[in-house]
Amino acid sequence: MSRSLRAQAAGTPAPMPGWWLAVCGTAAIVVVAAAALSFPGQGGLVLGPLLAIPAALAGIGAPTPRRPLAYGTVMLLTAAVLAPFARGSLLWIATTVSVVVVAAVSAIGAVLSGPGKQKLANVTPAAEKLANVTSVAEAVRRALLRPLPRRVGPLELGVVYLAAAAEARVGGDLYEVARTQFGIRLIVGDARGKGLDAVEIAADVLGVFREVAHEVYTLAEVARRLDASLARRLDAGQAHSSRPHEEFVTAVLAEIDPCAGSLTVYNCGHPPPILLSRGMRDSRNGHGSRNGQVAPPVTTVDVPSPAPPLRLLSLGDCSGAGRTLGLRPGDALLLYTDGVTEARNPRRRCYPLAGRLTELAGTSTGGIRPDLLERLRDDLLRHVGAPLDDDAALVLIRAPAVWGDPAPQPAQATAP
């Protein structure tokens, strides 16, 4: 690979071509020679101001101010050497001022416009195509995974999404929240595979969830509707393709009732959520403190028997896929995808999410840190030490300090 191509790959400006350096050098030689030849003339040194020309030429297209400043320095030294031969102080002053001003202006121009123009000139078709793909992927991510509100009813929400490829910015992980008359419902899922196929499946699941979450009475029925819609879509696609479709979506559905202070979970082959209870400074609770910090109890919200993933619900027993428990004021629920728990460090050890939560979530007041998601994201990236192999999503829901003041409920519902 040539030097200029290596510079483009590294994102640095390519050096100036040799012919341009030759032109600048030739101009310097010609100017100095013309100034020297003017000594015997009656007019003395009349071509001194021409010493500013090489600095101006060196500043054209220069990626940094070093080249015009270097030429300006050389020409200024030349002017100092030729100054005794000049007849008249005004000519010496004009020569010096010309060289200094032109060199300074050329250097400033290189700083202001050189890097940007050089970058544009060095953009290869592949780099331009990658930039276009990245911008399209960013638009797709915003349309597919719309930013969740920071607050839904009395609950506070936080989201962290890490794409496996920085250029892709979107994958098969999905999440959404809906405020319904049955409670506040959430879904976090992971479409099998990567690339555009996974993105398309995730988009279909989110579209159906946004509709049926307001219409059906139970999370089991929400899951059944999602399963049926996904099966119809994939079966229709398989009829027009010779390649067999093996796509499915693991998902966990959650419903929080602010009036009753309850949490219902329905798991379809997805990693179980984690419940963080507000820590207490009572030694009887079995949770000690270290350095004045109280670690909140961390509980995995398992169901008796998870259902198969979406599109495969008919292949298993779904009777034990749901569970209801209390959600106390100040508690928090963390939903995530397997890209978090399967993230490996250089020693091929998976990220210990539950154990790290115990340490990262503790505060000196017995509550859960407000910056828990940011700390968890940074800790995950430090554990991996490299770009993630799979997309990862984290959704944290915080219960209020006191339950109450339920929100008005929208829409009609299908009878149970």
Protein backbone atom coordinates (compact mmCIF):
# COMPACT_ATOMS: atom_id res chain seq x y z
CA MET A 1 0.00 0.00 0.00
CA SER A 2 1.37 3.43 -0.90
CA ARG A 3 2.10 6.09 1.66
CA SER A 4 -0.88 8.21 0.61
CA LEU A 5 -3.23 5.24 0.85
CA ARG A 6 -1.91 4.38 4.29
CA ALA A 7 -2.50 7.97 5.34
CA GLN A 8 -6.08 7.78 4.07
CA ALA A 9 -6.70 4.51 5.90
CA ALA A 10 -5.36 6.04 9.09
CA GLY A 11 -7.58 9.08 8.65
CA THR A 12 -4.63 11.49 8.28
CA PRO A 13 -4.02 13.88 5.38
CA ALA A 14 -1.80 12.59 2.60
CA PRO A 15 1.53 14.40 2.04
CA MET A 16 1.90 16.99 -0.70
CA PRO A 17 3.02 15.60 -4.06
CA GLY A 18 6.69 15.91 -5.01
CA TRP A 19 6.02 18.05 -8.06
CA TRP A 20 4.45 20.78 -5.92
CA LEU A 21 7.50 20.88 -3.68
CA ALA A 22 9.65 21.19 -6.80
CA VAL A 23 7.52 24.12 -8.03
CA CYS A 24 7.87 25.90 -4.68
CA GLY A 25 11.61 25.26 -4.60
CA THR A 26 12.05 26.50 -8.16
CA ALA A 27 10.09 29.65 -7.35
CA ALA A 28 12.33 30.29 -4.35
CA ILE A 29 15.48 29.85 -6.45
CA VAL A 30 14.17 32.14 -9.19
CA VAL A 31 13.15 34.84 -6.72
CA VAL A 32 16.45 34.77 -4.85
CA ALA A 33 18.40 34.75 -8.14
CA ALA A 34 16.38 37.71 -9.47
CA ALA A 35 16.99 39.62 -6.25
CA ALA A 36 20.73 38.90 -6.41
CA LEU A 37 20.95 39.94 -10.08
CA SER A 38 19.34 43.27 -9.24
CA PHE A 39 22.31 44.36 -7.10
CA PRO A 40 24.36 46.05 -9.90
CA GLY A 41 21.36 47.98 -11.10
CA GLN A 42 20.93 51.63 -10.43
CA GLY A 43 17.70 50.91 -8.60
CA GLY A 44 19.32 48.60 -6.09
CA LEU A 45 17.35 45.74 -4.62
CA VAL A 46 13.94 46.31 -6.21
CA LEU A 47 12.72 42.69 -6.32
CA GLY A 48 12.89 42.07 -2.57
CA PRO A 49 9.11 41.85 -2.00
CA LEU A 50 9.05 38.88 -4.39
CA LEU A 51 10.56 36.82 -1.58
CA ALA A 52 6.99 36.41 -0.24
CA ILE A 53 5.95 34.35 -3.29
CA PRO A 54 7.37 30.95 -2.17
CA ALA A 55 5.58 31.15 1.19
CA ALA A 56 2.31 31.91 -0.58
CA LEU A 57 2.82 29.00 -3.01
CA ALA A 58 3.64 26.61 -0.15
CA GLY A 59 0.42 27.52 1.63
CA ILE A 60 -1.80 26.41 -1.27
CA GLY A 61 -3.31 23.07 -0.29
CA ALA A 62 -0.97 22.62 2.68
CA PRO A 63 -2.55 20.32 5.31
CA THR A 64 -0.62 22.00 8.16
CA PRO A 65 0.86 25.48 8.71
CA ARG A 66 4.41 24.12 8.96
CA ARG A 67 5.19 24.29 5.25
CA PRO A 68 4.25 27.97 4.63
CA LEU A 69 5.92 28.96 7.91
CA ALA A 70 9.10 27.12 6.93
CA TYR A 71 9.22 28.83 3.51
CA GLY A 72 8.50 32.17 5.15
CA THR A 73 11.36 31.67 7.60
CA VAL A 74 13.81 30.83 4.80
CA MET A 75 12.72 33.85 2.75
CA LEU A 76 12.93 36.11 5.79
CA LEU A 77 16.51 34.98 6.41
CA THR A 78 17.27 35.60 2.73
CA ALA A 79 15.86 39.09 3.03
CA ALA A 80 18.06 39.73 6.08
CA VAL A 81 21.14 38.60 4.16
CA LEU A 82 20.28 40.82 1.17
CA ALA A 83 19.23 43.81 3.30
CA PRO A 84 22.68 45.50 3.26
CA PHE A 85 22.53 45.67 -0.52
CA ALA A 86 19.15 47.44 -0.50
CA ARG A 87 19.21 51.16 -1.14
CA GLY A 88 16.60 52.68 1.07
CA SER A 89 15.11 51.64 4.40
CA LEU A 90 11.58 51.63 3.02
CA LEU A 91 12.41 48.80 0.62
CA TRP A 92 13.87 46.71 3.45
CA ILE A 93 10.79 47.32 5.58
CA ALA A 94 8.47 46.49 2.66
CA THR A 95 10.33 43.24 1.97
CA THR A 96 10.23 42.11 5.60
CA VAL A 97 6.57 43.02 6.07
CA SER A 98 5.61 41.28 2.81
CA VAL A 99 7.31 38.04 3.76
CA VAL A 100 5.93 37.99 7.32
CA VAL A 101 2.36 38.90 6.36
CA VAL A 102 2.14 36.47 3.43
CA ALA A 103 3.63 33.61 5.47
CA ALA A 104 1.24 34.27 8.37
CA VAL A 105 -1.81 34.52 6.11
CA SER A 106 -0.81 31.32 4.27
CA ALA A 107 -0.37 29.48 7.58
CA ILE A 108 -3.74 30.67 8.86
CA GLY A 109 -5.37 29.58 5.60
CA ALA A 110 -3.79 26.14 5.96
CA VAL A 111 -5.22 25.82 9.47
CA LEU A 112 -8.73 26.99 8.58
CA SER A 113 -9.28 25.31 5.24
CA GLY A 114 -6.48 22.89 4.60
CA PRO A 115 -7.51 19.90 6.77
CA GLY A 116 -11.14 19.93 5.68
CA LYS A 117 -10.34 20.28 1.97
CA GLN A 118 -7.58 17.70 2.22
CA LYS A 119 -9.98 15.31 3.92
CA LEU A 120 -12.55 15.79 1.19
CA ALA A 121 -9.94 15.30 -1.49
CA ASN A 122 -8.75 12.07 0.12
CA VAL A 123 -12.21 10.51 0.52
CA THR A 124 -12.25 7.30 -1.46
CA PRO A 125 -15.42 5.82 -2.96
CA ALA A 126 -15.32 3.08 -0.31
CA ALA A 127 -15.08 5.63 2.50
CA GLU A 128 -17.91 7.67 1.02
CA LYS A 129 -20.05 4.55 0.69
CA LEU A 130 -19.32 3.61 4.31
CA ALA A 131 -20.33 7.09 5.44
CA ASN A 132 -23.61 6.81 3.55
CA VAL A 133 -24.33 3.37 4.99
CA THR A 134 -23.58 4.63 8.50
CA SER A 135 -25.96 7.55 8.12
CA VAL A 136 -28.70 5.27 6.79
CA ALA A 137 -28.13 2.83 9.66
CA GLU A 138 -28.41 5.68 12.15
CA ALA A 139 -31.75 6.69 10.61
CA VAL A 140 -32.93 3.07 10.75
CA ARG A 141 -31.96 2.82 14.40
CA ARG A 142 -33.88 5.97 15.28
CA ALA A 143 -36.96 4.72 13.43
CA LEU A 144 -36.77 1.18 14.83
CA LEU A 145 -35.61 1.83 18.39
CA ARG A 146 -37.27 5.10 19.17
CA PRO A 147 -35.82 6.83 22.23
CA LEU A 148 -37.78 5.75 25.30
CA PRO A 149 -39.18 8.54 27.46
CA ARG A 150 -37.28 9.21 30.66
CA ARG A 151 -40.48 8.84 32.63
CA VAL A 152 -43.63 6.79 32.01
CA GLY A 153 -46.24 7.46 34.65
CA PRO A 154 -44.48 7.14 38.02
CA LEU A 155 -41.66 5.03 36.58
CA GLU A 156 -38.23 6.27 35.48
CA LEU A 157 -36.64 4.60 32.46
CA GLY A 158 -33.06 4.39 31.24
CA VAL A 159 -31.65 2.66 28.16
CA VAL A 160 -28.17 1.72 26.96
CA TYR A 161 -27.71 0.17 23.50
CA LEU A 162 -24.34 -1.07 22.26
CA ALA A 163 -24.09 -2.24 18.66
CA ALA A 164 -21.61 -5.00 17.85
CA ALA A 165 -20.31 -3.03 14.83
CA ALA A 166 -19.80 0.70 15.24
CA GLU A 167 -20.63 1.23 11.56
CA ALA A 168 -23.93 -0.64 11.83
CA ARG A 169 -25.34 1.16 14.90
CA VAL A 170 -28.32 -1.21 14.90
CA GLY A 171 -28.90 -4.94 15.15
CA GLY A 172 -31.49 -7.47 16.22
CA ASP A 173 -31.96 -6.28 19.81
CA LEU A 174 -35.30 -4.59 20.50
CA TYR A 175 -37.08 -2.79 23.33
CA GLU A 176 -40.27 -0.78 23.73
CA VAL A 177 -42.60 0.53 26.43
CA ALA A 178 -46.35 1.14 26.26
CA ARG A 179 -48.60 2.81 28.83
CA THR A 180 -51.91 0.95 28.76
CA GLN A 181 -55.02 0.60 30.88
CA PHE A 182 -53.65 -2.68 32.20
CA GLY A 183 -50.43 -1.10 33.41
CA ILE A 184 -47.10 -0.08 31.97
CA ARG A 185 -45.92 -2.80 29.62
CA LEU A 186 -42.42 -3.39 28.29
CA ILE A 187 -40.72 -5.77 25.93
CA VAL A 188 -37.02 -6.53 25.56
CA GLY A 189 -36.01 -9.07 22.94
CA ASP A 190 -33.32 -10.37 20.66
CA ALA A 191 -33.92 -11.53 17.08
CA ARG A 192 -31.80 -14.48 16.04
CA GLY A 193 -28.94 -13.61 13.69
CA LYS A 194 -27.47 -10.30 12.60
CA GLY A 195 -27.68 -7.85 9.76
CA LEU A 196 -30.72 -6.66 7.86
CA ASP A 197 -32.69 -9.89 8.38
CA ALA A 198 -32.53 -9.47 12.16
CA VAL A 199 -33.40 -5.78 11.85
CA GLU A 200 -36.46 -6.60 9.73
CA ILE A 201 -37.70 -9.20 12.22
CA ALA A 202 -37.16 -6.84 15.15
CA ALA A 203 -39.12 -4.13 13.35
CA ASP A 204 -42.06 -6.50 12.80
CA VAL A 205 -42.13 -7.57 16.45
CA LEU A 206 -42.03 -3.99 17.69
CA GLY A 207 -44.79 -2.95 15.30
CA VAL A 208 -47.11 -5.70 16.52
CA PHE A 209 -46.30 -5.05 20.18
CA ARG A 210 -47.12 -1.36 19.85
CA GLU A 211 -50.61 -2.34 18.72
CA VAL A 212 -51.57 -5.39 20.77
CA ALA A 213 -50.13 -4.10 24.07
CA HIS A 214 -53.14 -1.76 24.30
CA GLU A 215 -55.72 -4.36 23.29
CA VAL A 216 -55.26 -7.65 25.14
CA TYR A 217 -55.68 -8.43 28.81
CA THR A 218 -52.70 -10.63 29.67
CA LEU A 219 -49.04 -10.81 28.75
CA ALA A 220 -49.59 -14.41 27.66
CA GLU A 221 -52.02 -13.19 25.02
CA VAL A 222 -49.56 -10.48 23.95
CA ALA A 223 -46.93 -13.17 23.45
CA ARG A 224 -49.37 -15.35 21.52
CA ARG A 225 -50.22 -12.48 19.18
CA LEU A 226 -46.55 -11.72 18.60
CA ASP A 227 -45.84 -15.39 17.94
CA ALA A 228 -48.68 -15.73 15.43
CA SER A 229 -47.74 -12.56 13.55
CA LEU A 230 -44.08 -13.56 13.35
CA ALA A 231 -44.96 -17.07 12.17
CA ARG A 232 -47.20 -15.71 9.40
CA ARG A 233 -44.54 -13.31 8.21
CA LEU A 234 -41.74 -15.84 8.13
CA ASP A 235 -43.87 -18.57 6.59
CA ALA A 236 -44.93 -16.17 3.82
CA GLY A 237 -41.30 -15.26 3.19
CA GLN A 238 -40.27 -18.91 3.09
CA ALA A 239 -42.86 -19.63 0.40
CA HIS A 240 -41.04 -17.20 -1.94
CA SER A 241 -37.52 -18.31 -1.04
CA SER A 242 -35.59 -21.53 -1.44
CA ARG A 243 -33.56 -20.84 1.71
CA PRO A 244 -35.11 -22.27 4.89
CA HIS A 245 -36.02 -19.74 7.55
CA GLU A 246 -34.98 -20.56 11.10
CA GLU A 247 -35.59 -17.15 12.61
CA PHE A 248 -37.08 -16.67 16.05
CA VAL A 249 -37.06 -14.00 18.75
CA THR A 250 -36.34 -14.45 22.43
CA ALA A 251 -38.25 -11.92 24.50
CA VAL A 252 -39.29 -11.04 28.00
CA LEU A 253 -42.52 -9.13 28.63
CA ALA A 254 -43.08 -7.13 31.79
CA GLU A 255 -46.15 -5.38 33.16
CA ILE A 256 -46.01 -2.99 36.11
CA ASP A 257 -49.25 -1.96 37.83
CA PRO A 258 -48.63 1.32 39.69
CA CYS A 259 -51.94 1.02 41.55
CA ALA A 260 -51.18 -2.40 43.02
CA GLY A 261 -47.42 -2.04 43.13
CA SER A 262 -47.02 -5.36 41.32
CA LEU A 263 -44.75 -6.73 38.61
CA THR A 264 -45.74 -9.45 36.13
CA VAL A 265 -43.12 -11.13 33.97
CA TYR A 266 -43.67 -13.43 30.98
CA ASN A 267 -40.51 -15.04 29.60
CA CYS A 268 -40.12 -16.48 26.09
CA GLY A 269 -36.68 -18.05 26.16
CA HIS A 270 -34.95 -14.81 27.16
CA PRO A 271 -32.43 -14.12 29.96
CA PRO A 272 -34.44 -13.42 33.13
CA PRO A 273 -34.75 -9.85 34.43
CA ILE A 274 -32.93 -8.79 37.58
CA LEU A 275 -34.72 -7.07 40.47
CA LEU A 276 -32.73 -4.66 42.61
CA SER A 277 -34.35 -3.98 45.98
CA ARG A 278 -33.61 -0.83 47.87
CA GLY A 279 -30.84 -1.51 50.41
CA MET A 280 -31.42 -1.07 54.11
CA ARG A 281 -28.93 -0.16 56.83
CA ASP A 282 -30.18 -2.92 59.08
CA SER A 283 -27.71 -5.70 59.83
CA ARG A 284 -30.60 -8.16 60.11
CA ASN A 285 -31.18 -8.09 56.36
CA GLY A 286 -27.93 -9.97 55.75
CA HIS A 287 -26.43 -7.39 53.44
CA GLY A 288 -23.36 -5.74 54.90
CA SER A 289 -21.83 -2.46 53.96
CA ARG A 290 -18.32 -1.64 52.86
CA ASN A 291 -16.81 1.82 53.07
CA GLY A 292 -20.20 3.16 54.08
CA GLN A 293 -21.91 1.79 50.96
CA VAL A 294 -24.95 -0.46 51.10
CA ALA A 295 -25.30 -3.08 48.37
CA PRO A 296 -28.95 -3.56 47.38
CA PRO A 297 -30.23 -7.14 47.23
CA VAL A 298 -30.09 -8.50 43.68
CA THR A 299 -32.68 -11.12 42.71
CA THR A 300 -33.08 -12.92 39.40
CA VAL A 301 -36.76 -12.95 38.41
CA ASP A 302 -37.09 -16.50 37.16
CA VAL A 303 -40.37 -18.02 36.02
CA PRO A 304 -41.37 -21.65 36.75
CA SER A 305 -40.86 -22.73 33.13
CA PRO A 306 -39.94 -20.28 30.35
CA ALA A 307 -41.93 -20.53 27.13
CA PRO A 308 -40.19 -21.19 23.81
CA PRO A 309 -39.07 -18.16 21.80
CA LEU A 310 -41.56 -16.25 19.68
CA ARG A 311 -42.57 -18.13 16.54
CA LEU A 312 -41.98 -21.40 18.41
CA LEU A 313 -44.57 -21.09 21.19
CA SER A 314 -46.62 -23.96 19.79
CA LEU A 315 -43.69 -26.34 20.28
CA GLY A 316 -43.72 -26.16 24.08
CA ASP A 317 -45.75 -25.70 27.25
CA CYS A 318 -46.36 -22.05 28.09
CA SER A 319 -48.34 -22.57 31.30
CA GLY A 320 -45.38 -21.75 33.57
CA ALA A 321 -43.95 -18.83 31.63
CA GLY A 322 -45.53 -16.12 33.80
CA ARG A 323 -44.99 -14.87 37.31
CA THR A 324 -46.34 -12.00 39.44
CA LEU A 325 -44.55 -10.49 42.41
CA GLY A 326 -44.51 -7.28 44.37
CA LEU A 327 -42.53 -4.23 43.29
CA ARG A 328 -41.78 -2.09 46.31
CA PRO A 329 -41.16 1.64 46.21
CA GLY A 330 -37.54 2.40 45.37
CA ASP A 331 -36.95 -0.95 43.64
CA ALA A 332 -35.52 -1.21 40.14
CA LEU A 333 -35.89 -3.80 37.39
CA LEU A 334 -33.14 -4.45 34.84
CA LEU A 335 -33.98 -6.10 31.51
CA TYR A 336 -31.17 -6.97 29.13
CA THR A 337 -30.14 -9.11 26.17
CA ASP A 338 -27.66 -11.97 26.03
CA GLY A 339 -25.09 -9.67 24.43
CA VAL A 340 -24.41 -8.46 27.99
CA THR A 341 -24.06 -11.78 29.83
CA GLU A 342 -22.21 -13.45 26.94
CA ALA A 343 -19.66 -10.65 26.50
CA ARG A 344 -16.24 -12.23 27.05
CA ASN A 345 -12.96 -10.78 28.18
CA PRO A 346 -9.59 -11.76 26.65
CA ARG A 347 -9.60 -14.83 28.94
CA ARG A 348 -12.96 -15.90 27.44
CA ARG A 349 -14.83 -15.33 30.70
CA CYS A 350 -18.41 -14.09 30.43
CA TYR A 351 -19.48 -10.88 32.09
CA PRO A 352 -20.85 -11.60 35.61
CA LEU A 353 -23.82 -9.25 35.44
CA ALA A 354 -25.54 -10.14 38.73
CA GLY A 355 -22.31 -9.99 40.69
CA ARG A 356 -21.24 -6.70 39.19
CA LEU A 357 -24.66 -5.17 39.84
CA THR A 358 -24.30 -5.87 43.54
CA GLU A 359 -21.15 -3.75 43.66
CA LEU A 360 -22.07 -1.06 41.15
CA ALA A 361 -25.57 -0.27 42.45
CA GLY A 362 -24.72 0.42 46.10
CA THR A 363 -24.87 3.92 47.56
CA SER A 364 -24.24 5.45 50.96
CA THR A 365 -27.93 6.26 51.44
CA GLY A 366 -29.23 2.73 50.94
CA GLY A 367 -30.73 3.49 47.54
CA ILE A 368 -29.72 2.60 43.99
CA ARG A 369 -27.20 4.82 42.28
CA PRO A 370 -28.77 7.24 39.78
CA ASP A 371 -25.90 6.65 37.35
CA LEU A 372 -26.12 2.86 37.53
CA LEU A 373 -26.61 2.34 33.79
CA GLU A 374 -23.62 4.48 32.85
CA ARG A 375 -21.42 2.69 35.39
CA LEU A 376 -22.66 -0.68 34.15
CA ARG A 377 -21.94 0.22 30.51
CA ASP A 378 -18.41 1.41 31.30
CA ASP A 379 -17.74 -1.68 33.40
CA LEU A 380 -18.93 -3.95 30.59
CA LEU A 381 -16.66 -2.26 28.05
CA ARG A 382 -13.71 -2.50 30.41
CA HIS A 383 -14.42 -6.21 30.91
CA VAL A 384 -14.43 -6.89 27.17
CA GLY A 385 -11.58 -4.56 26.29
CA ALA A 386 -12.57 -4.62 22.60
CA PRO A 387 -15.65 -4.13 20.40
CA LEU A 388 -18.54 -6.38 21.38
CA ASP A 389 -19.16 -9.55 19.40
CA ASP A 390 -22.92 -9.18 19.74
CA ASP A 391 -25.38 -6.34 20.22
CA ALA A 392 -26.21 -5.52 23.83
CA ALA A 393 -29.17 -3.67 25.30
CA LEU A 394 -29.93 -2.65 28.88
CA VAL A 395 -33.24 -1.21 30.08
CA LEU A 396 -33.57 -0.05 33.69
CA ILE A 397 -36.97 0.73 35.26
CA ARG A 398 -37.07 2.52 38.62
CA ALA A 399 -40.08 2.50 40.89
CA PRO A 400 -40.97 5.78 42.64
CA ALA A 401 -40.27 6.41 46.31
CA VAL A 402 -44.01 6.11 47.00
CA TRP A 403 -46.71 4.46 44.90
CA GLY A 404 -49.74 6.58 44.19
CA ASP A 405 -51.37 9.06 41.85
CA PRO A 406 -52.12 6.58 39.05
CA ALA A 407 -52.30 8.04 35.59
CA PRO A 408 -55.54 8.18 33.56
CA GLN A 409 -55.93 5.04 31.48
CA PRO A 410 -56.46 5.20 27.71
CA ALA A 411 -58.29 3.12 25.15
CA GLN A 412 -60.67 0.17 25.20
CA ALA A 413 -59.54 -3.37 25.78
CA THR A 414 -60.47 -6.79 24.56
CA ALA A 415 -62.36 -8.77 27.16
CA PRO A 416 -60.26 -11.42 28.87
